[in-house]
């Protein structure tokens, strides 16, 4: 089992910045991908960004150039730096840890609210 603890959400004005953190603990896999998804009211959960163990990243087109995903392997922590935030970025942000062994195992964080509003 992998436990995820998220932090860093909140209320910010348009154009502002926030940084989300997600710390993983428990049975850490040797191969894994960590990432952030978000879900706005009335919408499906969508990919924001992912990063694998060697640091390869993937971003949704809507956040490219504004958001940066990074990780600290020693702390098993992934970060999402969000700059130039827009009202449409408002959502609950979820951390995902996907571990790979004989199969793929997904673990989700509890979610953290990000609200972009003036």
PDB file of N, CA and C in Angstrom:
ATOM      1  N   UNK A   1       0.833  -1.194   0.000  1.00  0.00           N
ATOM      2  CA  UNK A   1       0.000   0.000   0.000  1.00  0.00           C
ATOM      3  C   UNK A   1       0.868   1.244   0.000  1.00  0.00           C
ATOM      4  N   UNK A   2       0.394   2.250  -0.687  1.00  0.00           N
ATOM      5  CA  UNK A   2       1.051   3.556  -0.741  1.00  0.00           C
ATOM      6  C   UNK A   2       0.080   4.599  -0.211  1.00  0.00           C
ATOM      7  N   UNK A   3       0.561   5.423   0.704  1.00  0.00           N
ATOM      8  CA  UNK A   3      -0.263   6.506   1.236  1.00  0.00           C
ATOM      9  C   UNK A   3       0.243   7.827   0.646  1.00  0.00           C
ATOM     10  N   UNK A   4      -0.691   8.686   0.315  1.00  0.00           N
ATOM     11  CA  UNK A   4      -0.375   9.989  -0.270  1.00  0.00           C
ATOM     12  C   UNK A   4      -0.952  11.093   0.601  1.00  0.00           C
ATOM     13  N   UNK A   5      -0.138  12.093   0.874  1.00  0.00           N
ATOM     14  CA  UNK A   5      -0.591  13.256   1.638  1.00  0.00           C
ATOM     15  C   UNK A   5      -0.340  14.504   0.796  1.00  0.00           C
ATOM     16  N   UNK A   6      -1.415  15.190   0.468  1.00  0.00           N
ATOM     17  CA  UNK A   6      -1.341  16.387  -0.359  1.00  0.00           C
ATOM     18  C   UNK A   6      -1.420  17.639   0.508  1.00  0.00           C
ATOM     19  N   UNK A   7      -0.834  18.706   0.007  1.00  0.00           N
ATOM     20  CA  UNK A   7      -0.939  19.991   0.672  1.00  0.00           C
ATOM     21  C   UNK A   7      -0.708  21.106  -0.340  1.00  0.00           C
ATOM     22  N   UNK A   8      -1.117  22.319   0.036  1.00  0.00           N
ATOM     23  CA  UNK A   8      -0.781  23.484  -0.764  1.00  0.00           C
ATOM     24  C   UNK A   8      -1.915  24.146  -1.502  1.00  0.00           C
ATOM     25  N   UNK A   9      -3.110  23.592  -1.436  1.00  0.00           N
ATOM     26  CA  UNK A   9      -4.225  24.240  -2.126  1.00  0.00           C
ATOM     27  C   UNK A   9      -4.658  25.514  -1.414  1.00  0.00           C
ATOM     28  N   UNK A  10      -5.603  26.211  -2.019  1.00  0.00           N
ATOM     29  CA  UNK A  10      -6.119  27.427  -1.404  1.00  0.00           C
ATOM     30  C   UNK A  10      -6.789  28.343  -2.398  1.00  0.00           C
ATOM     31  N   UNK A  11      -6.995  29.567  -1.953  1.00  0.00           N
ATOM     32  CA  UNK A  11      -7.636  30.599  -2.765  1.00  0.00           C
ATOM     33  C   UNK A  11      -6.570  31.577  -3.254  1.00  0.00           C
ATOM     34  N   UNK A  12      -6.601  31.858  -4.551  1.00  0.00           N
ATOM     35  CA  UNK A  12      -5.617  32.776  -5.124  1.00  0.00           C
ATOM     36  C   UNK A  12      -6.294  33.619  -6.192  1.00  0.00           C
ATOM     37  N   UNK A  13      -5.807  34.818  -6.386  1.00  0.00           N
ATOM     38  CA  UNK A  13      -6.363  35.692  -7.411  1.00  0.00           C
ATOM     39  C   UNK A  13      -5.840  35.289  -8.794  1.00  0.00           C
ATOM     40  N   UNK A  14      -6.595  35.614  -9.834  1.00  0.00           N
ATOM     41  CA  UNK A  14      -6.102  35.343 -11.192  1.00  0.00           C
ATOM     42  C   UNK A  14      -4.721  35.963 -11.405  1.00  0.00           C
ATOM     43  N   UNK A  15      -3.859  35.184 -12.046  1.00  0.00           N
ATOM     44  CA  UNK A  15      -2.484  35.629 -12.251  1.00  0.00           C
ATOM     45  C   UNK A  15      -1.539  35.222 -11.145  1.00  0.00           C
ATOM     46  N   UNK A  16      -2.089  34.717 -10.056  1.00  0.00           N
ATOM     47  CA  UNK A  16      -1.276  34.326  -8.923  1.00  0.00           C
ATOM     48  C   UNK A  16      -0.662  32.950  -9.073  1.00  0.00           C
ATOM     49  N   UNK A  17       0.013  32.513  -8.007  1.00  0.00           N
ATOM     50  CA  UNK A  17       0.720  31.231  -8.009  1.00  0.00           C
ATOM     51  C   UNK A  17       0.392  30.424  -6.768  1.00  0.00           C
ATOM     52  N   UNK A  18       0.475  29.122  -6.917  1.00  0.00           N
ATOM     53  CA  UNK A  18       0.363  28.184  -5.808  1.00  0.00           C
ATOM     54  C   UNK A  18       1.300  27.025  -6.080  1.00  0.00           C
ATOM     55  N   UNK A  19       1.735  26.361  -5.017  1.00  0.00           N
ATOM     56  CA  UNK A  19       2.516  25.140  -5.177  1.00  0.00           C
ATOM     57  C   UNK A  19       1.861  24.023  -4.374  1.00  0.00           C
ATOM     58  N   UNK A  20       1.566  22.931  -5.078  1.00  0.00           N
ATOM     59  CA  UNK A  20       1.012  21.756  -4.442  1.00  0.00           C
ATOM     60  C   UNK A  20       2.124  20.744  -4.165  1.00  0.00           C
ATOM     61  N   UNK A  21       1.965  20.014  -3.070  1.00  0.00           N
ATOM     62  CA  UNK A  21       2.907  18.958  -2.726  1.00  0.00           C
ATOM     63  C   UNK A  21       2.150  17.661  -2.485  1.00  0.00           C
ATOM     64  N   UNK A  22       2.799  16.561  -2.805  1.00  0.00           N
ATOM     65  CA  UNK A  22       2.221  15.246  -2.558  1.00  0.00           C
ATOM     66  C   UNK A  22       3.338  14.322  -2.099  1.00  0.00           C
ATOM     67  N   UNK A  23       3.257  13.887  -0.859  1.00  0.00           N
ATOM     68  CA  UNK A  23       4.264  13.010  -0.287  1.00  0.00           C
ATOM     69  C   UNK A  23       3.754  11.581  -0.242  1.00  0.00           C
ATOM     70  N   UNK A  24       4.550  10.669  -0.787  1.00  0.00           N
ATOM     71  CA  UNK A  24       4.191   9.251  -0.795  1.00  0.00           C
ATOM     72  C   UNK A  24       4.952   8.520   0.293  1.00  0.00           C
ATOM     73  N   UNK A  25       4.274   7.568   0.911  1.00  0.00           N
ATOM     74  CA  UNK A  25       4.918   6.731   1.916  1.00  0.00           C
ATOM     75  C   UNK A  25       4.336   5.327   1.828  1.00  0.00           C
ATOM     76  N   UNK A  26       4.999   4.384   2.488  1.00  0.00           N
ATOM     77  CA  UNK A  26       4.531   3.009   2.457  1.00  0.00           C
ATOM     78  C   UNK A  26       5.388   2.160   1.538  1.00  0.00           C
ATOM     79  N   UNK A  27       4.741   1.294   0.772  1.00  0.00           N
ATOM     80  CA  UNK A  27       5.455   0.342  -0.102  1.00  0.00           C
ATOM     81  C   UNK A  27       5.766   1.002  -1.443  1.00  0.00           C
ATOM     82  N   UNK A  28       6.848   1.751  -1.491  1.00  0.00           N
ATOM     83  CA  UNK A  28       7.218   2.488  -2.706  1.00  0.00           C
ATOM     84  C   UNK A  28       7.733   1.510  -3.757  1.00  0.00           C
ATOM     85  N   UNK A  29       7.254   1.641  -4.979  1.00  0.00           N
ATOM     86  CA  UNK A  29       7.662   0.793  -6.074  1.00  0.00           C
ATOM     87  C   UNK A  29       8.983   1.269  -6.663  1.00  0.00           C
ATOM     88  N   UNK A  30       9.734   0.354  -7.266  1.00  0.00           N
ATOM     89  CA  UNK A  30      10.977   0.746  -7.932  1.00  0.00           C
ATOM     90  C   UNK A  30      10.680   1.460  -9.253  1.00  0.00           C
ATOM     91  N   UNK A  31       9.553   1.139  -9.867  1.00  0.00           N
ATOM     92  CA  UNK A  31       9.105   1.830 -11.075  1.00  0.00           C
ATOM     93  C   UNK A  31       7.776   2.503 -10.770  1.00  0.00           C
ATOM     94  N   UNK A  32       7.690   3.776 -11.038  1.00  0.00           N
ATOM     95  CA  UNK A  32       6.459   4.476 -10.733  1.00  0.00           C
ATOM     96  C   UNK A  32       6.335   5.742 -11.575  1.00  0.00           C
ATOM     97  N   UNK A  33       5.124   6.222 -11.651  1.00  0.00           N
ATOM     98  CA  UNK A  33       4.811   7.530 -12.223  1.00  0.00           C
ATOM     99  C   UNK A  33       3.951   8.254 -11.197  1.00  0.00           C
ATOM    100  N   UNK A  34       4.251   9.515 -10.965  1.00  0.00           N
ATOM    101  CA  UNK A  34       3.408  10.328 -10.096  1.00  0.00           C
ATOM    102  C   UNK A  34       2.844  11.485 -10.910  1.00  0.00           C
ATOM    103  N   UNK A  35       1.690  11.925 -10.513  1.00  0.00           N
ATOM    104  CA  UNK A  35       1.099  13.006 -11.286  1.00  0.00           C
ATOM    105  C   UNK A  35      -0.024  13.702 -10.563  1.00  0.00           C
ATOM    106  N   UNK A  36      -0.545  14.696 -11.248  1.00  0.00           N
ATOM    107  CA  UNK A  36      -1.666  15.475 -10.744  1.00  0.00           C
ATOM    108  C   UNK A  36      -2.804  15.441 -11.749  1.00  0.00           C
ATOM    109  N   UNK A  37      -3.982  15.234 -11.231  1.00  0.00           N
ATOM    110  CA  UNK A  37      -5.215  15.326 -11.993  1.00  0.00           C
ATOM    111  C   UNK A  37      -6.090  16.356 -11.308  1.00  0.00           C
ATOM    112  N   UNK A  38      -7.093  16.834 -12.017  1.00  0.00           N
ATOM    113  CA  UNK A  38      -8.023  17.769 -11.398  1.00  0.00           C
ATOM    114  C   UNK A  38      -9.436  17.502 -11.870  1.00  0.00           C
ATOM    115  N   UNK A  39     -10.370  17.907 -11.018  1.00  0.00           N
ATOM    116  CA  UNK A  39     -11.777  17.723 -11.347  1.00  0.00           C
ATOM    117  C   UNK A  39     -12.541  18.969 -10.928  1.00  0.00           C
ATOM    118  N   UNK A  40     -13.113  19.641 -11.912  1.00  0.00           N
ATOM    119  CA  UNK A  40     -13.939  20.814 -11.654  1.00  0.00           C
ATOM    120  C   UNK A  40     -15.389  20.362 -11.490  1.00  0.00           C
ATOM    121  N   UNK A  41     -16.205  21.159 -10.830  1.00  0.00           N
ATOM    122  CA  UNK A  41     -17.613  20.783 -10.639  1.00  0.00           C
ATOM    123  C   UNK A  41     -18.309  20.491 -11.964  1.00  0.00           C
ATOM    124  N   UNK A  42     -18.961  19.352 -12.021  1.00  0.00           N
ATOM    125  CA  UNK A  42     -19.707  18.975 -13.220  1.00  0.00           C
ATOM    126  C   UNK A  42     -18.862  18.467 -14.356  1.00  0.00           C
ATOM    127  N   UNK A  43     -17.561  18.307 -14.129  1.00  0.00           N
ATOM    128  CA  UNK A  43     -16.675  17.849 -15.197  1.00  0.00           C
ATOM    129  C   UNK A  43     -15.961  16.573 -14.788  1.00  0.00           C
ATOM    130  N   UNK A  44     -15.426  15.886 -15.785  1.00  0.00           N
ATOM    131  CA  UNK A  44     -14.669  14.678 -15.507  1.00  0.00           C
ATOM    132  C   UNK A  44     -13.272  15.025 -15.008  1.00  0.00           C
ATOM    133  N   UNK A  45     -12.703  14.087 -14.272  1.00  0.00           N
ATOM    134  CA  UNK A  45     -11.327  14.258 -13.823  1.00  0.00           C
ATOM    135  C   UNK A  45     -10.412  14.246 -15.038  1.00  0.00           C
ATOM    136  N   UNK A  46      -9.449  15.164 -15.054  1.00  0.00           N
ATOM    137  CA  UNK A  46      -8.549  15.269 -16.202  1.00  0.00           C
ATOM    138  C   UNK A  46      -7.099  15.338 -15.764  1.00  0.00           C
ATOM    139  N   UNK A  47      -6.239  14.885 -16.658  1.00  0.00           N
ATOM    140  CA  UNK A  47      -4.807  14.929 -16.422  1.00  0.00           C
ATOM    141  C   UNK A  47      -4.314  16.359 -16.405  1.00  0.00           C
ATOM    142  N   UNK A  48      -3.427  16.648 -15.447  1.00  0.00           N
ATOM    143  CA  UNK A  48      -2.751  17.937 -15.423  1.00  0.00           C
ATOM    144  C   UNK A  48      -1.286  17.743 -15.836  1.00  0.00           C
ATOM    145  N   UNK A  49      -0.592  16.889 -15.112  1.00  0.00           N
ATOM    146  CA  UNK A  49       0.818  16.662 -15.403  1.00  0.00           C
ATOM    147  C   UNK A  49       1.261  15.369 -14.733  1.00  0.00           C
ATOM    148  N   UNK A  50       2.265  14.710 -15.331  1.00  0.00           N
ATOM    149  CA  UNK A  50       2.850  13.522 -14.733  1.00  0.00           C
ATOM    150  C   UNK A  50       4.372  13.599 -14.830  1.00  0.00           C
ATOM    151  N   UNK A  51       5.025  12.833 -13.967  1.00  0.00           N
ATOM    152  CA  UNK A  51       6.478  12.737 -13.986  1.00  0.00           C
ATOM    153  C   UNK A  51       6.860  11.328 -13.563  1.00  0.00           C
ATOM    154  N   UNK A  52       7.834  10.742 -14.264  1.00  0.00           N
ATOM    155  CA  UNK A  52       8.236   9.382 -13.886  1.00  0.00           C
ATOM    156  C   UNK A  52       9.514   9.420 -13.064  1.00  0.00           C
ATOM    157  N   UNK A  53      10.002   8.240 -12.730  1.00  0.00           N
ATOM    158  CA  UNK A  53      11.131   8.152 -11.810  1.00  0.00           C
ATOM    159  C   UNK A  53      12.380   8.842 -12.355  1.00  0.00           C
ATOM    160  N   UNK A  54      12.559   8.799 -13.668  1.00  0.00           N
ATOM    161  CA  UNK A  54      13.764   9.405 -14.238  1.00  0.00           C
ATOM    162  C   UNK A  54      13.552  10.868 -14.610  1.00  0.00           C
ATOM    163  N   UNK A  55      12.365  11.389 -14.344  1.00  0.00           N
ATOM    164  CA  UNK A  55      12.130  12.808 -14.535  1.00  0.00           C
ATOM    165  C   UNK A  55      11.464  13.214 -15.823  1.00  0.00           C
ATOM    166  N   UNK A  56      11.032  12.263 -16.630  1.00  0.00           N
ATOM    167  CA  UNK A  56      10.297  12.620 -17.846  1.00  0.00           C
ATOM    168  C   UNK A  56       8.916  13.135 -17.478  1.00  0.00           C
ATOM    169  N   UNK A  57       8.516  14.228 -18.116  1.00  0.00           N
ATOM    170  CA  UNK A  57       7.265  14.890 -17.761  1.00  0.00           C
ATOM    171  C   UNK A  57       6.279  14.910 -18.921  1.00  0.00           C
ATOM    172  N   UNK A  58       5.031  15.085 -18.555  1.00  0.00           N
ATOM    173  CA  UNK A  58       3.959  15.187 -19.527  1.00  0.00           C
ATOM    174  C   UNK A  58       2.953  16.184 -18.981  1.00  0.00           C
ATOM    175  N   UNK A  59       2.453  17.084 -19.845  1.00  0.00           N
ATOM    176  CA  UNK A  59       1.525  18.130 -19.404  1.00  0.00           C
ATOM    177  C   UNK A  59       0.290  18.178 -20.293  1.00  0.00           C
ATOM    178  N   UNK A  60      -0.811  18.552 -19.693  1.00  0.00           N
ATOM    179  CA  UNK A  60      -1.995  18.869 -20.482  1.00  0.00           C
ATOM    180  C   UNK A  60      -1.715  20.168 -21.240  1.00  0.00           C
ATOM    181  N   UNK A  61      -2.265  20.276 -22.437  1.00  0.00           N
ATOM    182  CA  UNK A  61      -2.039  21.477 -23.246  1.00  0.00           C
ATOM    183  C   UNK A  61      -2.481  22.740 -22.521  1.00  0.00           C
ATOM    184  N   UNK A  62      -3.515  22.632 -21.715  1.00  0.00           N
ATOM    185  CA  UNK A  62      -4.088  23.795 -21.047  1.00  0.00           C
ATOM    186  C   UNK A  62      -3.174  24.395 -19.985  1.00  0.00           C
ATOM    187  N   UNK A  63      -2.169  23.641 -19.543  1.00  0.00           N
ATOM    188  CA  UNK A  63      -1.292  24.141 -18.470  1.00  0.00           C
ATOM    189  C   UNK A  63       0.152  24.301 -18.919  1.00  0.00           C
ATOM    190  N   UNK A  64       0.464  23.893 -20.140  1.00  0.00           N
ATOM    191  CA  UNK A  64       1.842  24.012 -20.631  1.00  0.00           C
ATOM    192  C   UNK A  64       2.307  25.457 -20.582  1.00  0.00           C
ATOM    193  N   UNK A  65       3.509  25.644 -20.072  1.00  0.00           N
ATOM    194  CA  UNK A  65       4.060  26.985 -19.967  1.00  0.00           C
ATOM    195  C   UNK A  65       3.680  27.716 -18.693  1.00  0.00           C
ATOM    196  N   UNK A  66       2.709  27.184 -17.966  1.00  0.00           N
ATOM    197  CA  UNK A  66       2.269  27.821 -16.716  1.00  0.00           C
ATOM    198  C   UNK A  66       2.538  26.948 -15.494  1.00  0.00           C
ATOM    199  N   UNK A  67       2.404  25.648 -15.651  1.00  0.00           N
ATOM    200  CA  UNK A  67       2.586  24.718 -14.536  1.00  0.00           C
ATOM    201  C   UNK A  67       3.886  23.943 -14.737  1.00  0.00           C
ATOM    202  N   UNK A  68       4.527  23.612 -13.633  1.00  0.00           N
ATOM    203  CA  UNK A  68       5.742  22.800 -13.672  1.00  0.00           C
ATOM    204  C   UNK A  68       5.651  21.705 -12.625  1.00  0.00           C
ATOM    205  N   UNK A  69       5.830  20.465 -13.059  1.00  0.00           N
ATOM    206  CA  UNK A  69       5.849  19.340 -12.139  1.00  0.00           C
ATOM    207  C   UNK A  69       7.296  18.961 -11.865  1.00  0.00           C
ATOM    208  N   UNK A  70       7.585  18.649 -10.617  1.00  0.00           N
ATOM    209  CA  UNK A  70       8.934  18.254 -10.244  1.00  0.00           C
ATOM    210  C   UNK A  70       8.839  17.257  -9.101  1.00  0.00           C
ATOM    211  N   UNK A  71       9.978  16.655  -8.746  1.00  0.00           N
ATOM    212  CA  UNK A  71       9.938  15.672  -7.672  1.00  0.00           C
ATOM    213  C   UNK A  71      11.232  15.672  -6.907  1.00  0.00           C
ATOM    214  N   UNK A  72      11.132  15.166  -5.695  1.00  0.00           N
ATOM    215  CA  UNK A  72      12.279  14.957  -4.834  1.00  0.00           C
ATOM    216  C   UNK A  72      12.295  13.473  -4.500  1.00  0.00           C
ATOM    217  N   UNK A  73      13.181  12.727  -5.149  1.00  0.00           N
ATOM    218  CA  UNK A  73      13.198  11.271  -4.959  1.00  0.00           C
ATOM    219  C   UNK A  73      13.498  10.891  -3.514  1.00  0.00           C
ATOM    220  N   UNK A  74      14.368  11.649  -2.878  1.00  0.00           N
ATOM    221  CA  UNK A  74      14.741  11.314  -1.502  1.00  0.00           C
ATOM    222  C   UNK A  74      13.545  11.426  -0.559  1.00  0.00           C
ATOM    223  N   UNK A  75      12.643  12.336  -0.871  1.00  0.00           N
ATOM    224  CA  UNK A  75      11.467  12.545  -0.027  1.00  0.00           C
ATOM    225  C   UNK A  75      10.220  11.863  -0.585  1.00  0.00           C
ATOM    226  N   UNK A  76      10.358  11.199  -1.745  1.00  0.00           N
ATOM    227  CA  UNK A  76       9.190  10.584  -2.406  1.00  0.00           C
ATOM    228  C   UNK A  76       8.052  11.584  -2.534  1.00  0.00           C
ATOM    229  N   UNK A  77       8.421  12.781  -2.929  1.00  0.00           N
ATOM    230  CA  UNK A  77       7.451  13.869  -3.003  1.00  0.00           C
ATOM    231  C   UNK A  77       7.428  14.469  -4.404  1.00  0.00           C
ATOM    232  N   UNK A  78       6.236  14.765  -4.882  1.00  0.00           N
ATOM    233  CA  UNK A  78       6.064  15.439  -6.161  1.00  0.00           C
ATOM    234  C   UNK A  78       5.431  16.794  -5.907  1.00  0.00           C
ATOM    235  N   UNK A  79       5.831  17.765  -6.708  1.00  0.00           N
ATOM    236  CA  UNK A  79       5.350  19.128  -6.559  1.00  0.00           C
ATOM    237  C   UNK A  79       4.695  19.589  -7.858  1.00  0.00           C
ATOM    238  N   UNK A  80       3.758  20.486  -7.721  1.00  0.00           N
ATOM    239  CA  UNK A  80       3.168  21.129  -8.890  1.00  0.00           C
ATOM    240  C   UNK A  80       3.193  22.631  -8.650  1.00  0.00           C
ATOM    241  N   UNK A  81       4.095  23.310  -9.343  1.00  0.00           N
ATOM    242  CA  UNK A  81       4.164  24.761  -9.271  1.00  0.00           C
ATOM    243  C   UNK A  81       3.209  25.320 -10.315  1.00  0.00           C
ATOM    244  N   UNK A  82       2.247  26.081  -9.851  1.00  0.00           N
ATOM    245  CA  UNK A  82       1.220  26.626 -10.736  1.00  0.00           C
ATOM    246  C   UNK A  82       1.348  28.141 -10.777  1.00  0.00           C
ATOM    247  N   UNK A  83       1.683  28.669 -11.931  1.00  0.00           N
ATOM    248  CA  UNK A  83       1.828  30.106 -12.129  1.00  0.00           C
ATOM    249  C   UNK A  83       0.769  30.609 -13.105  1.00  0.00           C
ATOM    250  N   UNK A  84       0.581  31.907 -13.122  1.00  0.00           N
ATOM    251  CA  UNK A  84      -0.379  32.536 -14.041  1.00  0.00           C
ATOM    252  C   UNK A  84      -1.731  31.837 -13.981  1.00  0.00           C
ATOM    253  N   UNK A  85      -2.197  31.616 -12.782  1.00  0.00           N
ATOM    254  CA  UNK A  85      -3.439  30.867 -12.600  1.00  0.00           C
ATOM    255  C   UNK A  85      -4.642  31.614 -13.174  1.00  0.00           C
ATOM    256  N   UNK A  86      -5.564  30.838 -13.709  1.00  0.00           N
ATOM    257  CA  UNK A  86      -6.782  31.367 -14.322  1.00  0.00           C
ATOM    258  C   UNK A  86      -7.996  30.821 -13.588  1.00  0.00           C
ATOM    259  N   UNK A  87      -9.127  31.508 -13.680  1.00  0.00           N
ATOM    260  CA  UNK A  87     -10.340  30.985 -13.029  1.00  0.00           C
ATOM    261  C   UNK A  87     -10.682  29.561 -13.486  1.00  0.00           C
ATOM    262  N   UNK A  88     -10.387  29.235 -14.732  1.00  0.00           N
ATOM    263  CA  UNK A  88     -10.692  27.890 -15.220  1.00  0.00           C
ATOM    264  C   UNK A  88      -9.768  26.818 -14.632  1.00  0.00           C
ATOM    265  N   UNK A  89      -8.760  27.207 -13.881  1.00  0.00           N
ATOM    266  CA  UNK A  89      -7.935  26.236 -13.166  1.00  0.00           C
ATOM    267  C   UNK A  89      -8.575  25.801 -11.851  1.00  0.00           C
ATOM    268  N   UNK A  90      -9.668  26.435 -11.486  1.00  0.00           N
ATOM    269  CA  UNK A  90     -10.363  26.087 -10.249  1.00  0.00           C
ATOM    270  C   UNK A  90     -10.856  24.647 -10.307  1.00  0.00           C
ATOM    271  N   UNK A  91     -10.461  23.864  -9.325  1.00  0.00           N
ATOM    272  CA  UNK A  91     -10.819  22.446  -9.290  1.00  0.00           C
ATOM    273  C   UNK A  91     -10.275  21.828  -8.013  1.00  0.00           C
ATOM    274  N   UNK A  92     -10.687  20.599  -7.765  1.00  0.00           N
ATOM    275  CA  UNK A  92     -10.014  19.785  -6.756  1.00  0.00           C
ATOM    276  C   UNK A  92      -8.876  19.064  -7.461  1.00  0.00           C
ATOM    277  N   UNK A  93      -7.701  19.199  -6.922  1.00  0.00           N
ATOM    278  CA  UNK A  93      -6.502  18.594  -7.509  1.00  0.00           C
ATOM    279  C   UNK A  93      -6.150  17.326  -6.734  1.00  0.00           C
ATOM    280  N   UNK A  94      -5.959  16.247  -7.480  1.00  0.00           N
ATOM    281  CA  UNK A  94      -5.675  14.947  -6.890  1.00  0.00           C
ATOM    282  C   UNK A  94      -4.290  14.475  -7.312  1.00  0.00           C
ATOM    283  N   UNK A  95      -3.579  13.937  -6.362  1.00  0.00           N
ATOM    284  CA  UNK A  95      -2.288  13.320  -6.634  1.00  0.00           C
ATOM    285  C   UNK A  95      -2.515  11.844  -6.963  1.00  0.00           C
ATOM    286  N   UNK A  96      -1.811  11.364  -7.956  1.00  0.00           N
ATOM    287  CA  UNK A  96      -1.879   9.949  -8.336  1.00  0.00           C
ATOM    288  C   UNK A  96      -0.484   9.357  -8.296  1.00  0.00           C
ATOM    289  N   UNK A  97      -0.384   8.189  -7.680  1.00  0.00           N
ATOM    290  CA  UNK A  97       0.855   7.405  -7.684  1.00  0.00           C
ATOM    291  C   UNK A  97       0.539   6.100  -8.395  1.00  0.00           C
ATOM    292  N   UNK A  98       1.207   5.833  -9.496  1.00  0.00           N
ATOM    293  CA  UNK A  98       1.024   4.582 -10.232  1.00  0.00           C
ATOM    294  C   UNK A  98       2.303   3.767 -10.096  1.00  0.00           C
ATOM    295  N   UNK A  99       2.191   2.626  -9.432  1.00  0.00           N
ATOM    296  CA  UNK A  99       3.323   1.740  -9.257  1.00  0.00           C
ATOM    297  C   UNK A  99       3.248   0.557 -10.199  1.00  0.00           C
ATOM    298  N   UNK A 100       4.408   0.154 -10.712  1.00  0.00           N
ATOM    299  CA  UNK A 100       4.447  -0.923 -11.697  1.00  0.00           C
ATOM    300  C   UNK A 100       5.283  -2.078 -11.170  1.00  0.00           C
ATOM    301  N   UNK A 101       4.656  -3.253 -11.131  1.00  0.00           N
ATOM    302  CA  UNK A 101       5.395  -4.491 -10.870  1.00  0.00           C
ATOM    303  C   UNK A 101       4.836  -5.534 -11.823  1.00  0.00           C
ATOM    304  N   UNK A 102       4.166  -6.538 -11.308  1.00  0.00           N
ATOM    305  CA  UNK A 102       3.514  -7.508 -12.196  1.00  0.00           C
ATOM    306  C   UNK A 102       2.250  -6.922 -12.790  1.00  0.00           C
ATOM    307  N   UNK A 103       1.808  -5.818 -12.262  1.00  0.00           N
ATOM    308  CA  UNK A 103       0.624  -5.117 -12.750  1.00  0.00           C
ATOM    309  C   UNK A 103       0.789  -3.645 -12.394  1.00  0.00           C
ATOM    310  N   UNK A 104      -0.171  -2.851 -12.780  1.00  0.00           N
ATOM    311  CA  UNK A 104      -0.153  -1.420 -12.466  1.00  0.00           C
ATOM    312  C   UNK A 104      -1.088  -1.193 -11.295  1.00  0.00           C
ATOM    313  N   UNK A 105      -0.577  -0.488 -10.285  1.00  0.00           N
ATOM    314  CA  UNK A 105      -1.358  -0.214  -9.093  1.00  0.00           C
ATOM    315  C   UNK A 105      -1.486   1.307  -8.938  1.00  0.00           C
ATOM    316  N   UNK A 106      -2.714   1.778  -8.856  1.00  0.00           N
ATOM    317  CA  UNK A 106      -2.975   3.211  -8.721  1.00  0.00           C
ATOM    318  C   UNK A 106      -3.403   3.556  -7.299  1.00  0.00           C
ATOM    319  N   UNK A 107      -2.824   4.633  -6.806  1.00  0.00           N
ATOM    320  CA  UNK A 107      -3.192   5.160  -5.493  1.00  0.00           C
ATOM    321  C   UNK A 107      -3.479   6.661  -5.652  1.00  0.00           C
ATOM    322  N   UNK A 108      -4.590   7.080  -5.057  1.00  0.00           N
ATOM    323  CA  UNK A 108      -5.012   8.473  -5.167  1.00  0.00           C
ATOM    324  C   UNK A 108      -4.915   9.185  -3.826  1.00  0.00           C
ATOM    325  N   UNK A 109      -4.559  10.473  -3.880  1.00  0.00           N
ATOM    326  CA  UNK A 109      -4.621  11.301  -2.698  1.00  0.00           C
ATOM    327  C   UNK A 109      -6.043  11.736  -2.417  1.00  0.00           C
ATOM    328  N   UNK A 110      -6.213  12.452  -1.312  1.00  0.00           N
ATOM    329  CA  UNK A 110      -7.555  12.823  -0.872  1.00  0.00           C
ATOM    330  C   UNK A 110      -8.090  14.043  -1.624  1.00  0.00           C
ATOM    331  N   UNK A 111      -7.216  14.748  -2.316  1.00  0.00           N
ATOM    332  CA  UNK A 111      -7.623  15.931  -3.074  1.00  0.00           C
ATOM    333  C   UNK A 111      -7.418  17.210  -2.283  1.00  0.00           C
ATOM    334  N   UNK A 112      -7.068  18.262  -2.997  1.00  0.00           N
ATOM    335  CA  UNK A 112      -6.911  19.578  -2.377  1.00  0.00           C
ATOM    336  C   UNK A 112      -7.545  20.620  -3.293  1.00  0.00           C
ATOM    337  N   UNK A 113      -8.327  21.506  -2.680  1.00  0.00           N
ATOM    338  CA  UNK A 113      -9.081  22.482  -3.459  1.00  0.00           C
ATOM    339  C   UNK A 113      -8.195  23.643  -3.876  1.00  0.00           C
ATOM    340  N   UNK A 114      -8.260  23.987  -5.153  1.00  0.00           N
ATOM    341  CA  UNK A 114      -7.621  25.188  -5.684  1.00  0.00           C
ATOM    342  C   UNK A 114      -8.713  26.071  -6.264  1.00  0.00           C
ATOM    343  N   UNK A 115      -8.821  27.279  -5.756  1.00  0.00           N
ATOM    344  CA  UNK A 115      -9.826  28.222  -6.227  1.00  0.00           C
ATOM    345  C   UNK A 115      -9.135  29.482  -6.717  1.00  0.00           C
ATOM    346  N   UNK A 116      -9.400  29.835  -7.962  1.00  0.00           N
ATOM    347  CA  UNK A 116      -8.816  31.038  -8.559  1.00  0.00           C
ATOM    348  C   UNK A 116      -9.942  32.025  -8.784  1.00  0.00           C
ATOM    349  N   UNK A 117      -9.941  33.082  -8.006  1.00  0.00           N
ATOM    350  CA  UNK A 117     -11.046  34.030  -8.047  1.00  0.00           C
ATOM    351  C   UNK A 117     -10.591  35.371  -7.504  1.00  0.00           C
ATOM    352  N   UNK A 118     -11.171  36.419  -8.045  1.00  0.00           N
ATOM    353  CA  UNK A 118     -10.890  37.757  -7.532  1.00  0.00           C
ATOM    354  C   UNK A 118     -11.935  38.166  -6.509  1.00  0.00           C
TER     355      UNK A 118
END
